[in-house]
Amino acid sequence: MATCDVALVRQGGVNFAIVCVADHVINSTSSSEQMVRAWTYELGVPVALMGARQHNTYGRRDIVDWLSNVHPGRLPWRRATLS
């Protein structure tokens, strides 16, 4: 089980989630894909990943583009566990 900070967002009528992960996850395409699939299944919405320290992003282009214009401190973070 993985525990991460997750922000559930509704923007322009679209629900999606941002999941904060360790930076090394973002640097590995296979790890990133695996995390996106797992969290998408768990949360039931599209997911983009954000690195915890460097704030690099990975995921759907529209979500990543939106996230590039938002300061991470403005997102509604909560703790969630992947079952």
PDB file of N, CA and C in Angstrom:
ATOM      1  N   MET A   1       0.836  -1.187   0.000  1.00  0.00           N
ATOM      2  CA  MET A   1       0.000   0.000   0.000  1.00  0.00           C
ATOM      3  C   MET A   1       0.876   1.244   0.000  1.00  0.00           C
ATOM      4  N   ALA A   2       0.479   2.206  -0.796  1.00  0.00           N
ATOM      5  CA  ALA A   2       1.198   3.477  -0.861  1.00  0.00           C
ATOM      6  C   ALA A   2       0.313   4.578  -0.292  1.00  0.00           C
ATOM      7  N   THR A   3       0.896   5.440   0.513  1.00  0.00           N
ATOM      8  CA  THR A   3       0.184   6.597   1.034  1.00  0.00           C
ATOM      9  C   THR A   3       0.800   7.835   0.410  1.00  0.00           C
ATOM     10  N   CYS A   4      -0.052   8.677  -0.173  1.00  0.00           N
ATOM     11  CA  CYS A   4       0.413   9.879  -0.860  1.00  0.00           C
ATOM     12  C   CYS A   4      -0.514  11.038  -0.539  1.00  0.00           C
ATOM     13  N   ASP A   5      -0.035  12.236  -0.808  1.00  0.00           N
ATOM     14  CA  ASP A   5      -0.893  13.408  -0.769  1.00  0.00           C
ATOM     15  C   ASP A   5      -1.587  13.493  -2.121  1.00  0.00           C
ATOM     16  N   VAL A   6      -2.897  13.689  -2.081  1.00  0.00           N
ATOM     17  CA  VAL A   6      -3.713  13.710  -3.288  1.00  0.00           C
ATOM     18  C   VAL A   6      -4.576  14.963  -3.272  1.00  0.00           C
ATOM     19  N   ALA A   7      -4.681  15.615  -4.420  1.00  0.00           N
ATOM     20  CA  ALA A   7      -5.577  16.768  -4.569  1.00  0.00           C
ATOM     21  C   ALA A   7      -6.632  16.397  -5.605  1.00  0.00           C
ATOM     22  N   LEU A   8      -7.889  16.369  -5.181  1.00  0.00           N
ATOM     23  CA  LEU A   8      -8.999  16.135  -6.098  1.00  0.00           C
ATOM     24  C   LEU A   8      -9.479  17.490  -6.596  1.00  0.00           C
ATOM     25  N   VAL A   9      -9.555  17.637  -7.913  1.00  0.00           N
ATOM     26  CA  VAL A   9      -9.830  18.941  -8.521  1.00  0.00           C
ATOM     27  C   VAL A   9     -10.984  18.805  -9.512  1.00  0.00           C
ATOM     28  N   ARG A  10     -11.799  19.843  -9.565  1.00  0.00           N
ATOM     29  CA  ARG A  10     -12.823  19.965 -10.607  1.00  0.00           C
ATOM     30  C   ARG A  10     -12.558  21.297 -11.302  1.00  0.00           C
ATOM     31  N   GLN A  11     -12.209  21.229 -12.556  1.00  0.00           N
ATOM     32  CA  GLN A  11     -11.859  22.425 -13.317  1.00  0.00           C
ATOM     33  C   GLN A  11     -12.536  22.354 -14.684  1.00  0.00           C
ATOM     34  N   GLY A  12     -13.310  23.350 -15.020  1.00  0.00           N
ATOM     35  CA  GLY A  12     -13.967  23.367 -16.319  1.00  0.00           C
ATOM     36  C   GLY A  12     -14.882  22.179 -16.538  1.00  0.00           C
ATOM     37  N   GLY A  13     -15.523  21.702 -15.472  1.00  0.00           N
ATOM     38  CA  GLY A  13     -16.428  20.575 -15.568  1.00  0.00           C
ATOM     39  C   GLY A  13     -15.741  19.221 -15.628  1.00  0.00           C
ATOM     40  N   VAL A  14     -14.428  19.190 -15.465  1.00  0.00           N
ATOM     41  CA  VAL A  14     -13.670  17.938 -15.518  1.00  0.00           C
ATOM     42  C   VAL A  14     -13.109  17.630 -14.127  1.00  0.00           C
ATOM     43  N   ASN A  15     -13.347  16.421 -13.648  1.00  0.00           N
ATOM     44  CA  ASN A  15     -12.778  15.971 -12.378  1.00  0.00           C
ATOM     45  C   ASN A  15     -11.477  15.225 -12.662  1.00  0.00           C
ATOM     46  N   PHE A  16     -10.455  15.512 -11.868  1.00  0.00           N
ATOM     47  CA  PHE A  16      -9.182  14.825 -11.989  1.00  0.00           C
ATOM     48  C   PHE A  16      -8.446  14.924 -10.665  1.00  0.00           C
ATOM     49  N   ALA A  17      -7.321  14.219 -10.574  1.00  0.00           N
ATOM     50  CA  ALA A  17      -6.548  14.218  -9.338  1.00  0.00           C
ATOM     51  C   ALA A  17      -5.076  14.458  -9.636  1.00  0.00           C
ATOM     52  N   ILE A  18      -4.428  15.098  -8.689  1.00  0.00           N
ATOM     53  CA  ILE A  18      -2.980  15.266  -8.700  1.00  0.00           C
ATOM     54  C   ILE A  18      -2.461  14.435  -7.531  1.00  0.00           C
ATOM     55  N   VAL A  19      -1.495  13.576  -7.803  1.00  0.00           N
ATOM     56  CA  VAL A  19      -0.911  12.731  -6.756  1.00  0.00           C
ATOM     57  C   VAL A  19       0.552  13.120  -6.601  1.00  0.00           C
ATOM     58  N   CYS A  20       0.929  13.470  -5.377  1.00  0.00           N
ATOM     59  CA  CYS A  20       2.300  13.855  -5.075  1.00  0.00           C
ATOM     60  C   CYS A  20       3.101  12.577  -4.784  1.00  0.00           C
ATOM     61  N   VAL A  21       4.170  12.382  -5.541  1.00  0.00           N
ATOM     62  CA  VAL A  21       4.995  11.173  -5.417  1.00  0.00           C
ATOM     63  C   VAL A  21       6.460  11.570  -5.252  1.00  0.00           C
ATOM     64  N   ALA A  22       7.282  10.611  -4.874  1.00  0.00           N
ATOM     65  CA  ALA A  22       8.724  10.844  -4.784  1.00  0.00           C
ATOM     66  C   ALA A  22       9.262  11.209  -6.165  1.00  0.00           C
ATOM     67  N   ASP A  23      10.232  12.081  -6.207  1.00  0.00           N
ATOM     68  CA  ASP A  23      10.775  12.561  -7.483  1.00  0.00           C
ATOM     69  C   ASP A  23      11.293  11.426  -8.363  1.00  0.00           C
ATOM     70  N   HIS A  24      11.839  10.374  -7.770  1.00  0.00           N
ATOM     71  CA  HIS A  24      12.376   9.283  -8.584  1.00  0.00           C
ATOM     72  C   HIS A  24      11.275   8.566  -9.364  1.00  0.00           C
ATOM     73  N   VAL A  25      10.048   8.615  -8.892  1.00  0.00           N
ATOM     74  CA  VAL A  25       8.929   8.007  -9.634  1.00  0.00           C
ATOM     75  C   VAL A  25       8.704   8.754 -10.945  1.00  0.00           C
ATOM     76  N   ILE A  26       8.767  10.069 -10.903  1.00  0.00           N
ATOM     77  CA  ILE A  26       8.580  10.892 -12.105  1.00  0.00           C
ATOM     78  C   ILE A  26       9.695  10.615 -13.110  1.00  0.00           C
ATOM     79  N   ASN A  27      10.882  10.333 -12.622  1.00  0.00           N
ATOM     80  CA  ASN A  27      12.038  10.113 -13.505  1.00  0.00           C
ATOM     81  C   ASN A  27      12.047   8.741 -14.173  1.00  0.00           C
ATOM     82  N   SER A  28      11.125   7.874 -13.811  1.00  0.00           N
ATOM     83  CA  SER A  28      11.033   6.533 -14.392  1.00  0.00           C
ATOM     84  C   SER A  28       9.689   6.392 -15.103  1.00  0.00           C
ATOM     85  N   THR A  29       9.728   6.253 -16.419  1.00  0.00           N
ATOM     86  CA  THR A  29       8.495   6.139 -17.187  1.00  0.00           C
ATOM     87  C   THR A  29       7.660   4.947 -16.734  1.00  0.00           C
ATOM     88  N   SER A  30       8.286   3.817 -16.502  1.00  0.00           N
ATOM     89  CA  SER A  30       7.514   2.633 -16.093  1.00  0.00           C
ATOM     90  C   SER A  30       6.881   2.833 -14.713  1.00  0.00           C
ATOM     91  N   SER A  31       7.612   3.414 -13.778  1.00  0.00           N
ATOM     92  CA  SER A  31       7.058   3.685 -12.451  1.00  0.00           C
ATOM     93  C   SER A  31       5.925   4.696 -12.530  1.00  0.00           C
ATOM     94  N   SER A  32       6.112   5.727 -13.358  1.00  0.00           N
ATOM     95  CA  SER A  32       5.081   6.750 -13.521  1.00  0.00           C
ATOM     96  C   SER A  32       3.803   6.156 -14.093  1.00  0.00           C
ATOM     97  N   GLU A  33       3.943   5.355 -15.144  1.00  0.00           N
ATOM     98  CA  GLU A  33       2.771   4.719 -15.764  1.00  0.00           C
ATOM     99  C   GLU A  33       2.052   3.825 -14.767  1.00  0.00           C
ATOM    100  N   GLN A  34       2.813   3.058 -14.002  1.00  0.00           N
ATOM    101  CA  GLN A  34       2.224   2.163 -13.021  1.00  0.00           C
ATOM    102  C   GLN A  34       1.450   2.951 -11.955  1.00  0.00           C
ATOM    103  N   MET A  35       2.028   4.032 -11.471  1.00  0.00           N
ATOM    104  CA  MET A  35       1.361   4.854 -10.452  1.00  0.00           C
ATOM    105  C   MET A  35       0.102   5.523 -11.011  1.00  0.00           C
ATOM    106  N   VAL A  36       0.183   6.031 -12.229  1.00  0.00           N
ATOM    107  CA  VAL A  36      -0.989   6.663 -12.839  1.00  0.00           C
ATOM    108  C   VAL A  36      -2.120   5.644 -12.973  1.00  0.00           C
ATOM    109  N   ARG A  37      -1.812   4.452 -13.470  1.00  0.00           N
ATOM    110  CA  ARG A  37      -2.844   3.415 -13.615  1.00  0.00           C
ATOM    111  C   ARG A  37      -3.458   3.046 -12.264  1.00  0.00           C
ATOM    112  N   ALA A  38      -2.616   2.843 -11.257  1.00  0.00           N
ATOM    113  CA  ALA A  38      -3.110   2.424  -9.945  1.00  0.00           C
ATOM    114  C   ALA A  38      -3.990   3.494  -9.299  1.00  0.00           C
ATOM    115  N   TRP A  39      -3.542   4.744  -9.328  1.00  0.00           N
ATOM    116  CA  TRP A  39      -4.326   5.812  -8.710  1.00  0.00           C
ATOM    117  C   TRP A  39      -5.579   6.139  -9.515  1.00  0.00           C
ATOM    118  N   THR A  40      -5.521   6.020 -10.836  1.00  0.00           N
ATOM    119  CA  THR A  40      -6.714   6.234 -11.650  1.00  0.00           C
ATOM    120  C   THR A  40      -7.773   5.201 -11.289  1.00  0.00           C
ATOM    121  N   TYR A  41      -7.356   3.963 -11.146  1.00  0.00           N
ATOM    122  CA  TYR A  41      -8.278   2.896 -10.746  1.00  0.00           C
ATOM    123  C   TYR A  41      -8.844   3.173  -9.350  1.00  0.00           C
ATOM    124  N   GLU A  42      -7.985   3.553  -8.422  1.00  0.00           N
ATOM    125  CA  GLU A  42      -8.386   3.789  -7.033  1.00  0.00           C
ATOM    126  C   GLU A  42      -9.345   4.970  -6.901  1.00  0.00           C
ATOM    127  N   LEU A  43      -9.049   6.057  -7.596  1.00  0.00           N
ATOM    128  CA  LEU A  43      -9.829   7.285  -7.440  1.00  0.00           C
ATOM    129  C   LEU A  43     -10.976   7.419  -8.439  1.00  0.00           C
ATOM    130  N   GLY A  44     -10.898   6.700  -9.538  1.00  0.00           N
ATOM    131  CA  GLY A  44     -11.958   6.751 -10.536  1.00  0.00           C
ATOM    132  C   GLY A  44     -11.969   8.002 -11.392  1.00  0.00           C
ATOM    133  N   VAL A  45     -10.855   8.726 -11.412  1.00  0.00           N
ATOM    134  CA  VAL A  45     -10.715   9.932 -12.241  1.00  0.00           C
ATOM    135  C   VAL A  45      -9.328   9.934 -12.874  1.00  0.00           C
ATOM    136  N   PRO A  46      -9.143  10.694 -13.960  1.00  0.00           N
ATOM    137  CA  PRO A  46      -7.803  10.817 -14.530  1.00  0.00           C
ATOM    138  C   PRO A  46      -6.824  11.377 -13.487  1.00  0.00           C
ATOM    139  N   VAL A  47      -5.566  10.947 -13.581  1.00  0.00           N
ATOM    140  CA  VAL A  47      -4.554  11.322 -12.595  1.00  0.00           C
ATOM    141  C   VAL A  47      -3.304  11.852 -13.284  1.00  0.00           C
ATOM    142  N   ALA A  48      -2.714  12.887 -12.692  1.00  0.00           N
ATOM    143  CA  ALA A  48      -1.380  13.350 -13.061  1.00  0.00           C
ATOM    144  C   ALA A  48      -0.527  13.271 -11.801  1.00  0.00           C
ATOM    145  N   LEU A  49       0.747  13.039 -11.983  1.00  0.00           N
ATOM    146  CA  LEU A  49       1.685  12.950 -10.864  1.00  0.00           C
ATOM    147  C   LEU A  49       2.498  14.225 -10.754  1.00  0.00           C
ATOM    148  N   MET A  50       2.869  14.561  -9.524  1.00  0.00           N
ATOM    149  CA  MET A  50       3.761  15.696  -9.290  1.00  0.00           C
ATOM    150  C   MET A  50       4.837  15.259  -8.316  1.00  0.00           C
ATOM    151  N   GLY A  51       6.101  15.534  -8.651  1.00  0.00           N
ATOM    152  CA  GLY A  51       7.215  15.200  -7.772  1.00  0.00           C
ATOM    153  C   GLY A  51       7.178  16.032  -6.507  1.00  0.00           C
ATOM    154  N   ALA A  52       7.486  15.409  -5.388  1.00  0.00           N
ATOM    155  CA  ALA A  52       7.371  16.060  -4.087  1.00  0.00           C
ATOM    156  C   ALA A  52       8.320  17.242  -3.895  1.00  0.00           C
ATOM    157  N   ARG A  53       9.524  17.150  -4.395  1.00  0.00           N
ATOM    158  CA  ARG A  53      10.496  18.219  -4.159  1.00  0.00           C
ATOM    159  C   ARG A  53      10.685  19.138  -5.363  1.00  0.00           C
ATOM    160  N   GLN A  54      10.853  18.544  -6.536  1.00  0.00           N
ATOM    161  CA  GLN A  54      11.141  19.356  -7.731  1.00  0.00           C
ATOM    162  C   GLN A  54       9.890  19.787  -8.474  1.00  0.00           C
ATOM    163  N   HIS A  55       8.750  19.225  -8.100  1.00  0.00           N
ATOM    164  CA  HIS A  55       7.456  19.547  -8.708  1.00  0.00           C
ATOM    165  C   HIS A  55       7.400  19.277 -10.206  1.00  0.00           C
ATOM    166  N   ASN A  56       8.230  18.329 -10.681  1.00  0.00           N
ATOM    167  CA  ASN A  56       8.090  17.872 -12.064  1.00  0.00           C
ATOM    168  C   ASN A  56       6.763  17.138 -12.175  1.00  0.00           C
ATOM    169  N   THR A  57       6.201  17.098 -13.374  1.00  0.00           N
ATOM    170  CA  THR A  57       4.887  16.489 -13.545  1.00  0.00           C
ATOM    171  C   THR A  57       4.907  15.396 -14.604  1.00  0.00           C
ATOM    172  N   TYR A  58       3.908  14.523 -14.514  1.00  0.00           N
ATOM    173  CA  TYR A  58       3.756  13.440 -15.473  1.00  0.00           C
ATOM    174  C   TYR A  58       2.277  13.088 -15.547  1.00  0.00           C
ATOM    175  N   GLY A  59       1.766  12.932 -16.753  1.00  0.00           N
ATOM    176  CA  GLY A  59       0.375  12.506 -16.912  1.00  0.00           C
ATOM    177  C   GLY A  59      -0.253  13.112 -18.150  1.00  0.00           C
ATOM    178  N   ARG A  60      -1.578  13.118 -18.141  1.00  0.00           N
ATOM    179  CA  ARG A  60      -2.315  13.650 -19.278  1.00  0.00           C
ATOM    180  C   ARG A  60      -1.906  15.089 -19.556  1.00  0.00           C
ATOM    181  N   ARG A  61      -1.672  15.390 -20.821  1.00  0.00           N
ATOM    182  CA  ARG A  61      -1.163  16.711 -21.212  1.00  0.00           C
ATOM    183  C   ARG A  61      -2.056  17.848 -20.721  1.00  0.00           C
ATOM    184  N   ASP A  62      -3.384  17.719 -20.820  1.00  0.00           N
ATOM    185  CA  ASP A  62      -4.267  18.805 -20.396  1.00  0.00           C
ATOM    186  C   ASP A  62      -4.164  19.062 -18.896  1.00  0.00           C
ATOM    187  N   ILE A  63      -4.019  18.001 -18.107  1.00  0.00           N
ATOM    188  CA  ILE A  63      -3.883  18.171 -16.656  1.00  0.00           C
ATOM    189  C   ILE A  63      -2.522  18.767 -16.324  1.00  0.00           C
ATOM    190  N   VAL A  64      -1.476  18.263 -16.950  1.00  0.00           N
ATOM    191  CA  VAL A  64      -0.122  18.775 -16.715  1.00  0.00           C
ATOM    192  C   VAL A  64      -0.037  20.249 -17.116  1.00  0.00           C
ATOM    193  N   ASP A  65      -0.643  20.628 -18.239  1.00  0.00           N
ATOM    194  CA  ASP A  65      -0.645  22.030 -18.662  1.00  0.00           C
ATOM    195  C   ASP A  65      -1.365  22.901 -17.645  1.00  0.00           C
ATOM    196  N   TRP A  66      -2.504  22.447 -17.148  1.00  0.00           N
ATOM    197  CA  TRP A  66      -3.239  23.201 -16.139  1.00  0.00           C
ATOM    198  C   TRP A  66      -2.402  23.342 -14.870  1.00  0.00           C
ATOM    199  N   LEU A  67      -1.778  22.245 -14.468  1.00  0.00           N
ATOM    200  CA  LEU A  67      -0.988  22.237 -13.236  1.00  0.00           C
ATOM    201  C   LEU A  67       0.212  23.176 -13.316  1.00  0.00           C
ATOM    202  N   SER A  68       0.743  23.385 -14.511  1.00  0.00           N
ATOM    203  CA  SER A  68       1.905  24.278 -14.660  1.00  0.00           C
ATOM    204  C   SER A  68       1.569  25.724 -14.305  1.00  0.00           C
ATOM    205  N   ASN A  69       0.284  26.066 -14.259  1.00  0.00           N
ATOM    206  CA  ASN A  69      -0.142  27.433 -13.936  1.00  0.00           C
ATOM    207  C   ASN A  69      -0.687  27.577 -12.519  1.00  0.00           C
ATOM    208  N   VAL A  70      -0.554  26.526 -11.714  1.00  0.00           N
ATOM    209  CA  VAL A  70      -1.102  26.543 -10.357  1.00  0.00           C
ATOM    210  C   VAL A  70       0.009  26.249  -9.353  1.00  0.00           C
ATOM    211  N   HIS A  71       0.103  27.068  -8.319  1.00  0.00           N
ATOM    212  CA  HIS A  71       1.086  26.816  -7.262  1.00  0.00           C
ATOM    213  C   HIS A  71       0.613  25.618  -6.444  1.00  0.00           C
ATOM    214  N   PRO A  72       1.504  24.661  -6.152  1.00  0.00           N
ATOM    215  CA  PRO A  72       1.106  23.457  -5.416  1.00  0.00           C
ATOM    216  C   PRO A  72       0.427  23.746  -4.071  1.00  0.00           C
ATOM    217  N   GLY A  73       0.789  24.849  -3.439  1.00  0.00           N
ATOM    218  CA  GLY A  73       0.190  25.207  -2.153  1.00  0.00           C
ATOM    219  C   GLY A  73      -1.274  25.592  -2.250  1.00  0.00           C
ATOM    220  N   ARG A  74      -1.759  25.847  -3.442  1.00  0.00           N
ATOM    221  CA  ARG A  74      -3.164  26.231  -3.628  1.00  0.00           C
ATOM    222  C   ARG A  74      -4.075  25.035  -3.889  1.00  0.00           C
ATOM    223  N   LEU A  75      -3.497  23.845  -3.997  1.00  0.00           N
ATOM    224  CA  LEU A  75      -4.297  22.654  -4.265  1.00  0.00           C
ATOM    225  C   LEU A  75      -4.870  22.087  -2.965  1.00  0.00           C
ATOM    226  N   PRO A  76      -6.049  21.467  -3.027  1.00  0.00           N
ATOM    227  CA  PRO A  76      -6.704  20.936  -1.826  1.00  0.00           C
ATOM    228  C   PRO A  76      -6.175  19.554  -1.435  1.00  0.00           C
ATOM    229  N   TRP A  77      -4.962  19.522  -0.900  1.00  0.00           N
ATOM    230  CA  TRP A  77      -4.299  18.248  -0.591  1.00  0.00           C
ATOM    231  C   TRP A  77      -4.968  17.539   0.566  1.00  0.00           C
ATOM    232  N   ARG A  78      -4.964  16.198   0.471  1.00  0.00           N
ATOM    233  CA  ARG A  78      -5.377  15.335   1.580  1.00  0.00           C
ATOM    234  C   ARG A  78      -4.559  14.052   1.472  1.00  0.00           C
ATOM    235  N   ARG A  79      -4.470  13.325   2.550  1.00  0.00           N
ATOM    236  CA  ARG A  79      -3.701  12.075   2.591  1.00  0.00           C
ATOM    237  C   ARG A  79      -4.611  10.948   2.112  1.00  0.00           C
ATOM    238  N   ALA A  80      -4.106  10.107   1.223  1.00  0.00           N
ATOM    239  CA  ALA A  80      -4.881   8.964   0.724  1.00  0.00           C
ATOM    240  C   ALA A  80      -3.961   7.752   0.641  1.00  0.00           C
ATOM    241  N   THR A  81      -4.557   6.584   0.842  1.00  0.00           N
ATOM    242  CA  THR A  81      -3.801   5.336   0.767  1.00  0.00           C
ATOM    243  C   THR A  81      -4.323   4.495  -0.374  1.00  0.00           C
ATOM    244  N   LEU A  82      -3.403   4.010  -1.167  1.00  0.00           N
ATOM    245  CA  LEU A  82      -3.713   3.128  -2.299  1.00  0.00           C
ATOM    246  C   LEU A  82      -3.899   1.728  -1.742  1.00  0.00           C
ATOM    247  N   SER A  83      -5.071   1.158  -1.967  1.00  0.00           N
ATOM    248  CA  SER A  83      -5.326  -0.177  -1.406  1.00  0.00           C
ATOM    249  C   SER A  83      -4.911  -1.290  -2.337  1.00  0.00           C
TER     250      SER A  83
END
